[in-house]
């Protein structure tokens, strides 16, 4: 009876360890896949952006990472669809960023 309980505990522990190993492997695979995607995006951006534009995008990435990620994805999609014929300059990137940035409401407060 005690041997049966001990065997059951060992079996459960072994199953738990196997699940953890599979979960860890899945997480490692996902991290490797994400690194590969990031490398492809960086390579694509190197091809379609002038150095000044890349520098501006990297600066934006430091302050607003989510926004920069969205801009990067949009630039890569434009390049893949063939809409980008030449390298994007800093001025063109500024114009694109101005279009993508939501307009801020201006409040005017007057005191009487």
C-alpha atoms as a PDB file:
ATOM      1  CA  UNK A   1       0.000   0.000   0.000  1.00  0.00           C
ATOM      2  CA  UNK A   2       2.771   2.417   0.912  1.00  0.00           C
ATOM      3  CA  UNK A   3       4.679   1.299  -2.188  1.00  0.00           C
ATOM      4  CA  UNK A   4       1.637   2.045  -4.370  1.00  0.00           C
ATOM      5  CA  UNK A   5       1.340   5.562  -2.926  1.00  0.00           C
ATOM      6  CA  UNK A   6       5.056   6.141  -3.355  1.00  0.00           C
ATOM      7  CA  UNK A   7       4.918   4.930  -6.966  1.00  0.00           C
ATOM      8  CA  UNK A   8       1.934   7.214  -7.627  1.00  0.00           C
ATOM      9  CA  UNK A   9       3.790  10.208  -6.155  1.00  0.00           C
ATOM     10  CA  UNK A  10       6.844   9.423  -8.273  1.00  0.00           C
ATOM     11  CA  UNK A  11       4.697   9.112 -11.395  1.00  0.00           C
ATOM     12  CA  UNK A  12       3.001  12.473 -10.708  1.00  0.00           C
ATOM     13  CA  UNK A  13       6.325  14.162 -10.027  1.00  0.00           C
ATOM     14  CA  UNK A  14       7.752  12.736 -13.267  1.00  0.00           C
ATOM     15  CA  UNK A  15       4.726  14.000 -15.249  1.00  0.00           C
ATOM     16  CA  UNK A  16       5.069  17.441 -13.660  1.00  0.00           C
ATOM     17  CA  UNK A  17       8.773  17.592 -14.547  1.00  0.00           C
ATOM     18  CA  UNK A  18       8.017  16.530 -18.135  1.00  0.00           C
ATOM     19  CA  UNK A  19       5.340  19.249 -18.464  1.00  0.00           C
ATOM     20  CA  UNK A  20       7.760  21.845 -17.116  1.00  0.00           C
ATOM     21  CA  UNK A  21      10.441  20.719 -19.557  1.00  0.00           C
ATOM     22  CA  UNK A  22       7.998  20.940 -22.474  1.00  0.00           C
ATOM     23  CA  UNK A  23       6.814  24.393 -21.351  1.00  0.00           C
ATOM     24  CA  UNK A  24      10.376  25.621 -21.058  1.00  0.00           C
ATOM     25  CA  UNK A  25      11.223  24.239 -24.501  1.00  0.00           C
ATOM     26  CA  UNK A  26       8.168  25.955 -25.969  1.00  0.00           C
ATOM     27  CA  UNK A  27       9.213  29.261 -24.375  1.00  0.00           C
ATOM     28  CA  UNK A  28      12.749  28.897 -25.740  1.00  0.00           C
ATOM     29  CA  UNK A  29      11.398  28.127 -29.206  1.00  0.00           C
ATOM     30  CA  UNK A  30       9.136  31.187 -29.052  1.00  0.00           C
ATOM     31  CA  UNK A  31      12.040  33.397 -27.936  1.00  0.00           C
ATOM     32  CA  UNK A  32      14.220  32.088 -30.783  1.00  0.00           C
ATOM     33  CA  UNK A  33      11.430  32.678 -33.291  1.00  0.00           C
ATOM     34  CA  UNK A  34      10.921  36.224 -31.989  1.00  0.00           C
ATOM     35  CA  UNK A  35      14.657  36.935 -32.258  1.00  0.00           C
ATOM     36  CA  UNK A  36      14.626  35.698 -35.833  1.00  0.00           C
ATOM     37  CA  UNK A  37      11.677  37.948 -36.698  1.00  0.00           C
ATOM     38  CA  UNK A  38      13.391  40.935 -35.054  1.00  0.00           C
ATOM     39  CA  UNK A  39      16.556  40.246 -37.058  1.00  0.00           C
ATOM     40  CA  UNK A  40      14.556  40.140 -40.296  1.00  0.00           C
ATOM     41  CA  UNK A  41      12.828  43.432 -39.432  1.00  0.00           C
ATOM     42  CA  UNK A  42      16.185  45.080 -38.645  1.00  0.00           C
ATOM     43  CA  UNK A  43      17.620  43.835 -41.946  1.00  0.00           C
ATOM     44  CA  UNK A  44      14.621  45.148 -43.877  1.00  0.00           C
ATOM     45  CA  UNK A  45      14.863  48.529 -42.148  1.00  0.00           C
ATOM     46  CA  UNK A  46      18.571  48.728 -42.970  1.00  0.00           C
ATOM     47  CA  UNK A  47      17.653  48.389 -46.641  1.00  0.00           C
ATOM     48  CA  UNK A  48      14.774  50.856 -46.789  1.00  0.00           C
ATOM     49  CA  UNK A  49      15.887  53.612 -44.386  1.00  0.00           C
ATOM     50  CA  UNK A  50      18.663  56.144 -44.753  1.00  0.00           C
ATOM     51  CA  UNK A  51      21.053  56.261 -41.758  1.00  0.00           C
ATOM     52  CA  UNK A  52      19.514  59.495 -40.408  1.00  0.00           C
ATOM     53  CA  UNK A  53      16.022  58.009 -40.597  1.00  0.00           C
ATOM     54  CA  UNK A  54      17.187  54.850 -38.807  1.00  0.00           C
ATOM     55  CA  UNK A  55      18.737  56.993 -36.108  1.00  0.00           C
ATOM     56  CA  UNK A  56      15.478  58.912 -35.666  1.00  0.00           C
ATOM     57  CA  UNK A  57      13.503  55.681 -35.454  1.00  0.00           C
ATOM     58  CA  UNK A  58      15.920  54.302 -32.856  1.00  0.00           C
ATOM     59  CA  UNK A  59      15.525  57.483 -30.799  1.00  0.00           C
ATOM     60  CA  UNK A  60      11.758  57.115 -30.942  1.00  0.00           C
ATOM     61  CA  UNK A  61      12.124  53.487 -29.905  1.00  0.00           C
ATOM     62  CA  UNK A  62      13.810  54.619 -26.684  1.00  0.00           C
ATOM     63  CA  UNK A  63      10.966  56.931 -25.704  1.00  0.00           C
ATOM     64  CA  UNK A  64       7.912  55.240 -27.230  1.00  0.00           C
ATOM     65  CA  UNK A  65       8.704  51.568 -27.948  1.00  0.00           C
ATOM     66  CA  UNK A  66       5.150  50.539 -28.877  1.00  0.00           C
ATOM     67  CA  UNK A  67       4.764  53.391 -31.353  1.00  0.00           C
ATOM     68  CA  UNK A  68       8.189  52.664 -32.873  1.00  0.00           C
ATOM     69  CA  UNK A  69       7.277  48.978 -33.234  1.00  0.00           C
ATOM     70  CA  UNK A  70       4.094  49.935 -35.095  1.00  0.00           C
ATOM     71  CA  UNK A  71       6.037  52.273 -37.397  1.00  0.00           C
ATOM     72  CA  UNK A  72       8.625  49.558 -38.082  1.00  0.00           C
ATOM     73  CA  UNK A  73       5.893  47.066 -38.959  1.00  0.00           C
ATOM     74  CA  UNK A  74       4.236  49.547 -41.270  1.00  0.00           C
ATOM     75  CA  UNK A  75       7.527  50.348 -43.013  1.00  0.00           C
ATOM     76  CA  UNK A  76       8.271  46.659 -43.520  1.00  0.00           C
ATOM     77  CA  UNK A  77       4.771  46.073 -44.903  1.00  0.00           C
ATOM     78  CA  UNK A  78       5.215  48.988 -47.325  1.00  0.00           C
ATOM     79  CA  UNK A  79       8.536  47.556 -48.483  1.00  0.00           C
ATOM     80  CA  UNK A  80       7.111  44.053 -48.899  1.00  0.00           C
ATOM     81  CA  UNK A  81       4.155  45.334 -50.915  1.00  0.00           C
ATOM     82  CA  UNK A  82       6.516  47.198 -53.248  1.00  0.00           C
ATOM     83  CA  UNK A  83       5.324  50.695 -52.366  1.00  0.00           C
ATOM     84  CA  UNK A  84       8.820  51.815 -51.365  1.00  0.00           C
ATOM     85  CA  UNK A  85      10.826  52.452 -54.519  1.00  0.00           C
ATOM     86  CA  UNK A  86      13.787  54.221 -52.946  1.00  0.00           C
ATOM     87  CA  UNK A  87      15.311  54.552 -49.500  1.00  0.00           C
ATOM     88  CA  UNK A  88      13.286  56.619 -47.059  1.00  0.00           C
ATOM     89  CA  UNK A  89      15.012  59.817 -45.981  1.00  0.00           C
ATOM     90  CA  UNK A  90      14.767  61.495 -42.601  1.00  0.00           C
ATOM     91  CA  UNK A  91      12.366  64.116 -43.985  1.00  0.00           C
ATOM     92  CA  UNK A  92      10.084  61.436 -45.444  1.00  0.00           C
ATOM     93  CA  UNK A  93      10.123  59.588 -42.130  1.00  0.00           C
ATOM     94  CA  UNK A  94       9.219  62.814 -40.304  1.00  0.00           C
ATOM     95  CA  UNK A  95       6.240  63.252 -42.617  1.00  0.00           C
ATOM     96  CA  UNK A  96       5.157  59.649 -42.044  1.00  0.00           C
ATOM     97  CA  UNK A  97       5.489  60.063 -38.280  1.00  0.00           C
ATOM     98  CA  UNK A  98       3.430  63.265 -38.399  1.00  0.00           C
ATOM     99  CA  UNK A  99       0.666  61.357 -40.183  1.00  0.00           C
ATOM    100  CA  UNK A 100       0.746  58.485 -37.709  1.00  0.00           C
ATOM    101  CA  UNK A 101       0.906  60.597 -34.545  1.00  0.00           C
ATOM    102  CA  UNK A 102      -2.560  61.316 -33.232  1.00  0.00           C
ATOM    103  CA  UNK A 103      -3.355  64.994 -33.103  1.00  0.00           C
ATOM    104  CA  UNK A 104      -3.468  66.524 -29.662  1.00  0.00           C
ATOM    105  CA  UNK A 105      -6.333  68.662 -28.549  1.00  0.00           C
ATOM    106  CA  UNK A 106      -5.373  72.158 -27.565  1.00  0.00           C
ATOM    107  CA  UNK A 107      -7.046  73.646 -24.553  1.00  0.00           C
ATOM    108  CA  UNK A 108      -7.279  77.367 -24.089  1.00  0.00           C
ATOM    109  CA  UNK A 109      -8.105  78.555 -20.614  1.00  0.00           C
ATOM    110  CA  UNK A 110      -9.083  82.140 -20.043  1.00  0.00           C
ATOM    111  CA  UNK A 111      -9.472  83.639 -16.618  1.00  0.00           C
ATOM    112  CA  UNK A 112     -11.765  86.518 -15.867  1.00  0.00           C
END
